[in-house]
Amino acid sequence: MRVNWKNLTPDERSDTPLYLQLAARLASAIHAGTWSAGEALPSERTLSEGVVVSRITARKAIALLVEQGLIKRVRGAGNFITPRVEDPLSRLTGFTRKMEQRGFLPDSVWLGRGLRPANRDETVQLGLSPGAVVASLRRLRRADGIVMAVEHSTLPAWLVPDPLLIGASLYRYLEERGQAVVRALQHFRAVNAGAEVARLMDVAPGAALLVITRIGYSAQRRAIELTDTYCRDDYYDFVAELHR
């Protein structure tokens, strides 16, 4: 994509340091879609020549964007635009549809799926009888090949008698069975990544993650989904619109 260098060029008359101006303008260009998710950012040399600043200024601006999670450094390959999701808290949308709406290519990597007895928490949260069987689904959720989240979903076995029949989208599967999730309660908490989750998400053990626990309800007001989603905080922005 052709870059409009004029829009990225810092104002030397401003009191704001050049690298901060450049970082802010690059961030605006990224949010505006100048580069697609996964696309390479111009090199330090190209960037410094395009906006007429020093290589040091370009390097500091890029480092700031890496720190903010807007771009990702790949050793020996360059800097690439990070897929990032703005997730409105007032809208209930499945991961697959959400990614498709934002122009990403979503997919899932199954870590495990099958039937098993419900544990105590699942029995309470889903309103099940003691000894009830549930479908347990564990998967990586990816956008453009990058792991965005690790997800564990539990649903009553009467609703998902054969977990192997679920395709790319759990919510589409439920809609096809006439049991769409129409309302959900979500709880957010911050955690540190354990060894297994850190390995799956390619982050350092102990890295900060956001866990979303969602209880989804059908049109009959019955709890049919219990999902824990471990989200990388450098890929997700949660947005809430408030009114007075």
Protein backbone atom coordinates (compact mmCIF):
# COMPACT_ATOMS: atom_id res chain seq x y z
CA MET A 1 0.00 0.00 0.00
CA ARG A 2 1.30 3.47 -0.89
CA VAL A 3 2.13 5.52 2.19
CA ASN A 4 1.27 9.21 2.47
CA TRP A 5 4.51 10.38 4.09
CA LYS A 6 3.21 13.94 4.48
CA ASN A 7 0.56 12.78 6.95
CA LEU A 8 3.21 10.98 9.00
CA THR A 9 5.80 13.78 9.07
CA PRO A 10 6.26 15.35 12.54
CA ASP A 11 6.01 19.09 13.04
CA GLU A 12 9.45 20.38 13.99
CA ARG A 13 7.90 23.55 15.42
CA SER A 14 5.98 21.57 18.03
CA ASP A 15 7.27 21.21 21.59
CA THR A 16 6.33 17.50 21.51
CA PRO A 17 9.36 15.27 20.85
CA LEU A 18 9.57 14.10 17.24
CA TYR A 19 9.48 10.41 18.11
CA LEU A 20 6.24 10.86 20.10
CA GLN A 21 4.65 12.75 17.20
CA LEU A 22 5.76 10.06 14.76
CA ALA A 23 4.49 7.26 16.99
CA ALA A 24 1.10 8.98 17.35
CA ARG A 25 0.78 9.50 13.60
CA LEU A 26 1.80 5.94 12.86
CA ALA A 27 -0.76 4.70 15.39
CA SER A 28 -3.49 6.78 13.73
CA ALA A 29 -2.50 5.38 10.32
CA ILE A 30 -2.62 1.82 11.68
CA HIS A 31 -6.08 2.36 13.19
CA ALA A 32 -7.24 3.91 9.88
CA GLY A 33 -6.22 0.76 8.00
CA THR A 34 -3.19 2.12 6.12
CA TRP A 35 -1.63 -1.31 6.72
CA SER A 36 -3.52 -4.57 7.07
CA ALA A 37 -3.13 -6.93 10.02
CA GLY A 38 0.04 -8.96 9.57
CA GLU A 39 1.47 -6.56 6.97
CA ALA A 40 5.04 -5.32 7.39
CA LEU A 41 5.61 -1.77 8.61
CA PRO A 42 8.18 0.24 6.62
CA SER A 43 11.72 -0.37 7.85
CA GLU A 44 13.46 2.15 10.12
CA ARG A 45 15.51 3.35 7.18
CA THR A 46 12.50 3.75 4.86
CA LEU A 47 10.51 5.44 7.58
CA SER A 48 13.28 7.86 8.54
CA GLU A 49 13.85 8.82 4.90
CA GLY A 50 10.13 9.14 4.16
CA VAL A 51 9.36 11.53 7.02
CA VAL A 52 12.84 13.10 7.12
CA VAL A 53 13.84 12.22 10.67
CA SER A 54 16.87 10.42 12.09
CA ARG A 55 17.05 6.64 12.31
CA ILE A 56 17.14 7.03 16.10
CA THR A 57 13.83 8.92 16.05
CA ALA A 58 12.24 6.27 13.82
CA ARG A 59 13.59 3.50 16.05
CA LYS A 60 12.20 5.11 19.22
CA ALA A 61 8.78 5.61 17.59
CA ILE A 62 8.64 1.97 16.50
CA ALA A 63 9.77 0.79 19.94
CA LEU A 64 6.89 2.73 21.50
CA LEU A 65 4.38 1.08 19.15
CA VAL A 66 5.83 -2.33 20.03
CA GLU A 67 5.36 -1.48 23.72
CA GLN A 68 1.75 -0.46 23.01
CA GLY A 69 1.11 -3.74 21.19
CA LEU A 70 0.26 -2.16 17.83
CA ILE A 71 3.16 -3.84 16.06
CA LYS A 72 5.20 -6.97 16.67
CA ARG A 73 8.91 -7.42 16.07
CA VAL A 74 9.96 -10.61 14.31
CA ARG A 75 13.69 -11.19 14.58
CA GLY A 76 15.31 -11.12 11.15
CA ALA A 77 12.04 -10.32 9.36
CA GLY A 78 10.93 -6.85 10.46
CA ASN A 79 7.98 -5.21 12.19
CA PHE A 80 4.44 -6.35 11.51
CA ILE A 81 1.01 -4.90 12.23
CA THR A 82 -0.60 -6.74 15.12
CA PRO A 83 -4.19 -7.92 14.69
CA ARG A 84 -6.18 -6.00 17.28
CA VAL A 85 -9.81 -6.34 18.27
CA GLU A 86 -12.06 -3.62 19.66
CA ASP A 87 -14.77 -5.55 21.45
CA PRO A 88 -17.92 -3.55 22.33
CA LEU A 89 -19.15 -4.79 25.69
CA SER A 90 -22.79 -4.08 24.78
CA ARG A 91 -22.90 -6.45 21.78
CA LEU A 92 -23.12 -10.24 21.90
CA THR A 93 -21.20 -11.69 18.95
CA GLY A 94 -19.30 -14.94 18.56
CA PHE A 95 -15.55 -14.87 17.94
CA THR A 96 -15.79 -16.11 14.33
CA ARG A 97 -18.34 -13.53 13.25
CA LYS A 98 -16.54 -10.79 15.16
CA MET A 99 -13.27 -11.50 13.35
CA GLU A 100 -14.98 -11.76 9.95
CA GLN A 101 -16.67 -8.39 10.47
CA ARG A 102 -13.27 -6.81 11.10
CA GLY A 103 -11.66 -8.32 8.02
CA PHE A 104 -9.61 -10.99 9.80
CA LEU A 105 -9.49 -14.64 8.79
CA PRO A 106 -10.58 -16.57 11.90
CA ASP A 107 -9.92 -20.18 12.70
CA SER A 108 -9.68 -22.50 15.69
CA VAL A 109 -7.20 -25.13 16.73
CA TRP A 110 -8.87 -27.79 18.83
CA LEU A 111 -7.01 -28.74 21.99
CA GLY A 112 -9.66 -31.20 23.10
CA ARG A 113 -13.40 -31.87 22.91
CA GLY A 114 -15.54 -34.60 24.37
CA LEU A 115 -18.15 -35.53 26.94
CA ARG A 116 -17.53 -35.86 30.69
CA PRO A 117 -19.34 -35.48 34.03
CA ALA A 118 -19.91 -31.86 35.06
CA ASN A 119 -17.87 -30.53 37.96
CA ARG A 120 -19.45 -28.67 40.87
CA ASP A 121 -19.01 -25.18 39.40
CA GLU A 122 -20.43 -26.20 36.02
CA THR A 123 -23.39 -27.89 37.70
CA VAL A 124 -24.20 -24.70 39.59
CA GLN A 125 -23.56 -22.22 36.77
CA LEU A 126 -25.53 -24.19 34.14
CA GLY A 127 -28.29 -25.29 36.52
CA LEU A 128 -27.65 -29.00 35.92
CA SER A 129 -28.71 -32.04 37.89
CA PRO A 130 -26.04 -33.81 39.96
CA GLY A 131 -24.12 -36.26 37.79
CA ALA A 132 -25.11 -34.52 34.54
CA VAL A 133 -22.87 -34.89 31.50
CA VAL A 134 -21.42 -31.88 29.65
CA ALA A 135 -19.59 -31.24 26.41
CA SER A 136 -16.13 -29.83 27.15
CA LEU A 137 -14.46 -27.79 24.37
CA ARG A 138 -10.90 -26.42 24.50
CA ARG A 139 -9.42 -24.52 21.57
CA LEU A 140 -7.09 -21.78 20.44
CA ARG A 141 -8.89 -18.87 18.78
CA ARG A 142 -6.81 -17.33 16.01
CA ALA A 143 -7.06 -14.38 13.62
CA ASP A 144 -4.85 -14.36 10.52
CA GLY A 145 -2.92 -17.24 12.07
CA ILE A 146 -2.10 -15.39 15.30
CA VAL A 147 -3.37 -16.80 18.61
CA MET A 148 -5.73 -14.24 20.13
CA ALA A 149 -7.16 -16.32 22.96
CA VAL A 150 -7.37 -19.71 24.66
CA GLU A 151 -10.97 -20.73 25.23
CA HIS A 152 -12.66 -23.42 27.32
CA SER A 153 -16.41 -23.85 26.84
CA THR A 154 -18.80 -26.15 28.66
CA LEU A 155 -22.33 -26.91 27.44
CA PRO A 156 -24.99 -29.45 28.49
CA ALA A 157 -24.64 -32.76 26.66
CA TRP A 158 -28.29 -32.67 25.61
CA LEU A 159 -27.42 -29.61 23.53
CA VAL A 160 -24.08 -30.89 22.20
CA PRO A 161 -24.36 -34.70 22.13
CA ASP A 162 -21.43 -35.02 19.70
CA PRO A 163 -18.80 -32.27 20.09
CA LEU A 164 -17.01 -33.52 16.96
CA LEU A 165 -19.85 -32.12 14.85
CA ILE A 166 -19.04 -28.51 15.82
CA GLY A 167 -17.40 -26.65 12.94
CA ALA A 168 -15.62 -23.32 12.91
CA SER A 169 -18.25 -21.50 14.99
CA LEU A 170 -19.90 -22.77 18.17
CA TYR A 171 -22.56 -20.04 18.02
CA ARG A 172 -23.50 -20.99 14.45
CA TYR A 173 -23.82 -24.60 15.56
CA LEU A 174 -26.17 -23.54 18.37
CA GLU A 175 -28.21 -21.35 16.00
CA GLU A 176 -28.64 -24.27 13.61
CA ARG A 177 -30.01 -26.36 16.51
CA GLY A 178 -32.49 -23.61 17.40
CA GLN A 179 -30.69 -22.83 20.67
CA ALA A 180 -28.90 -19.55 19.98
CA VAL A 181 -27.26 -17.64 22.81
CA VAL A 182 -29.32 -14.44 22.99
CA ARG A 183 -28.08 -12.99 26.28
CA ALA A 184 -24.90 -13.36 28.31
CA LEU A 185 -23.33 -12.25 31.56
CA GLN A 186 -19.59 -11.63 31.45
CA HIS A 187 -17.14 -11.26 34.32
CA PHE A 188 -13.61 -9.91 33.77
CA ARG A 189 -10.55 -10.57 35.89
CA ALA A 190 -6.81 -10.12 35.47
CA VAL A 191 -4.54 -13.14 35.89
CA ASN A 192 -0.93 -14.13 35.27
CA ALA A 193 -0.34 -16.72 32.60
CA GLY A 194 0.39 -20.22 33.89
CA ALA A 195 2.94 -22.41 32.15
CA GLU A 196 0.48 -24.20 29.84
CA VAL A 197 -1.46 -21.10 28.78
CA ALA A 198 1.77 -19.15 28.29
CA ARG A 199 3.09 -21.88 25.98
CA LEU A 200 -0.12 -22.00 23.96
CA MET A 201 -0.28 -18.22 23.57
CA ASP A 202 3.47 -17.73 23.01
CA VAL A 203 3.84 -15.34 25.93
CA ALA A 204 6.17 -15.37 28.91
CA PRO A 205 5.02 -17.33 32.00
CA GLY A 206 3.47 -14.86 34.40
CA ALA A 207 2.48 -12.43 31.63
CA ALA A 208 -0.66 -10.41 32.29
CA LEU A 209 -3.82 -11.84 30.72
CA LEU A 210 -7.49 -10.99 30.90
CA VAL A 211 -9.91 -13.82 31.63
CA ILE A 212 -13.54 -13.42 30.57
CA THR A 213 -16.05 -15.80 32.12
CA ARG A 214 -19.28 -15.81 30.13
CA ILE A 215 -22.59 -17.49 30.94
CA GLY A 216 -24.78 -17.58 27.85
CA TYR A 217 -28.56 -17.91 27.94
CA SER A 218 -31.03 -19.16 25.34
CA ALA A 219 -34.31 -17.46 24.43
CA GLN A 220 -35.93 -19.74 27.03
CA ARG A 221 -33.76 -18.05 29.71
CA ARG A 222 -31.84 -21.24 30.26
CA ALA A 223 -28.07 -21.17 30.87
CA ILE A 224 -26.55 -23.19 28.03
CA GLU A 225 -22.95 -22.00 27.82
CA LEU A 226 -20.14 -21.49 30.32
CA THR A 227 -16.95 -20.18 28.71
CA ASP A 228 -13.61 -19.03 30.11
CA THR A 229 -11.56 -17.05 27.57
CA TYR A 230 -7.93 -16.15 28.24
CA CYS A 231 -7.20 -13.03 26.17
CA ARG A 232 -3.87 -11.42 25.32
CA ASP A 233 -4.17 -7.87 26.56
CA ASP A 234 -1.92 -6.62 23.74
CA TYR A 235 -4.46 -7.79 21.13
CA TYR A 236 -7.79 -6.89 22.75
CA ASP A 237 -9.39 -3.53 23.50
CA PHE A 238 -12.75 -3.67 25.27
CA VAL A 239 -14.97 -0.67 24.64
CA ALA A 240 -17.99 0.39 26.67
CA GLU A 241 -20.27 3.25 25.65
CA LEU A 242 -21.85 4.96 28.65
CA HIS A 243 -24.84 7.32 28.78
CA ARG A 244 -26.10 9.65 31.43
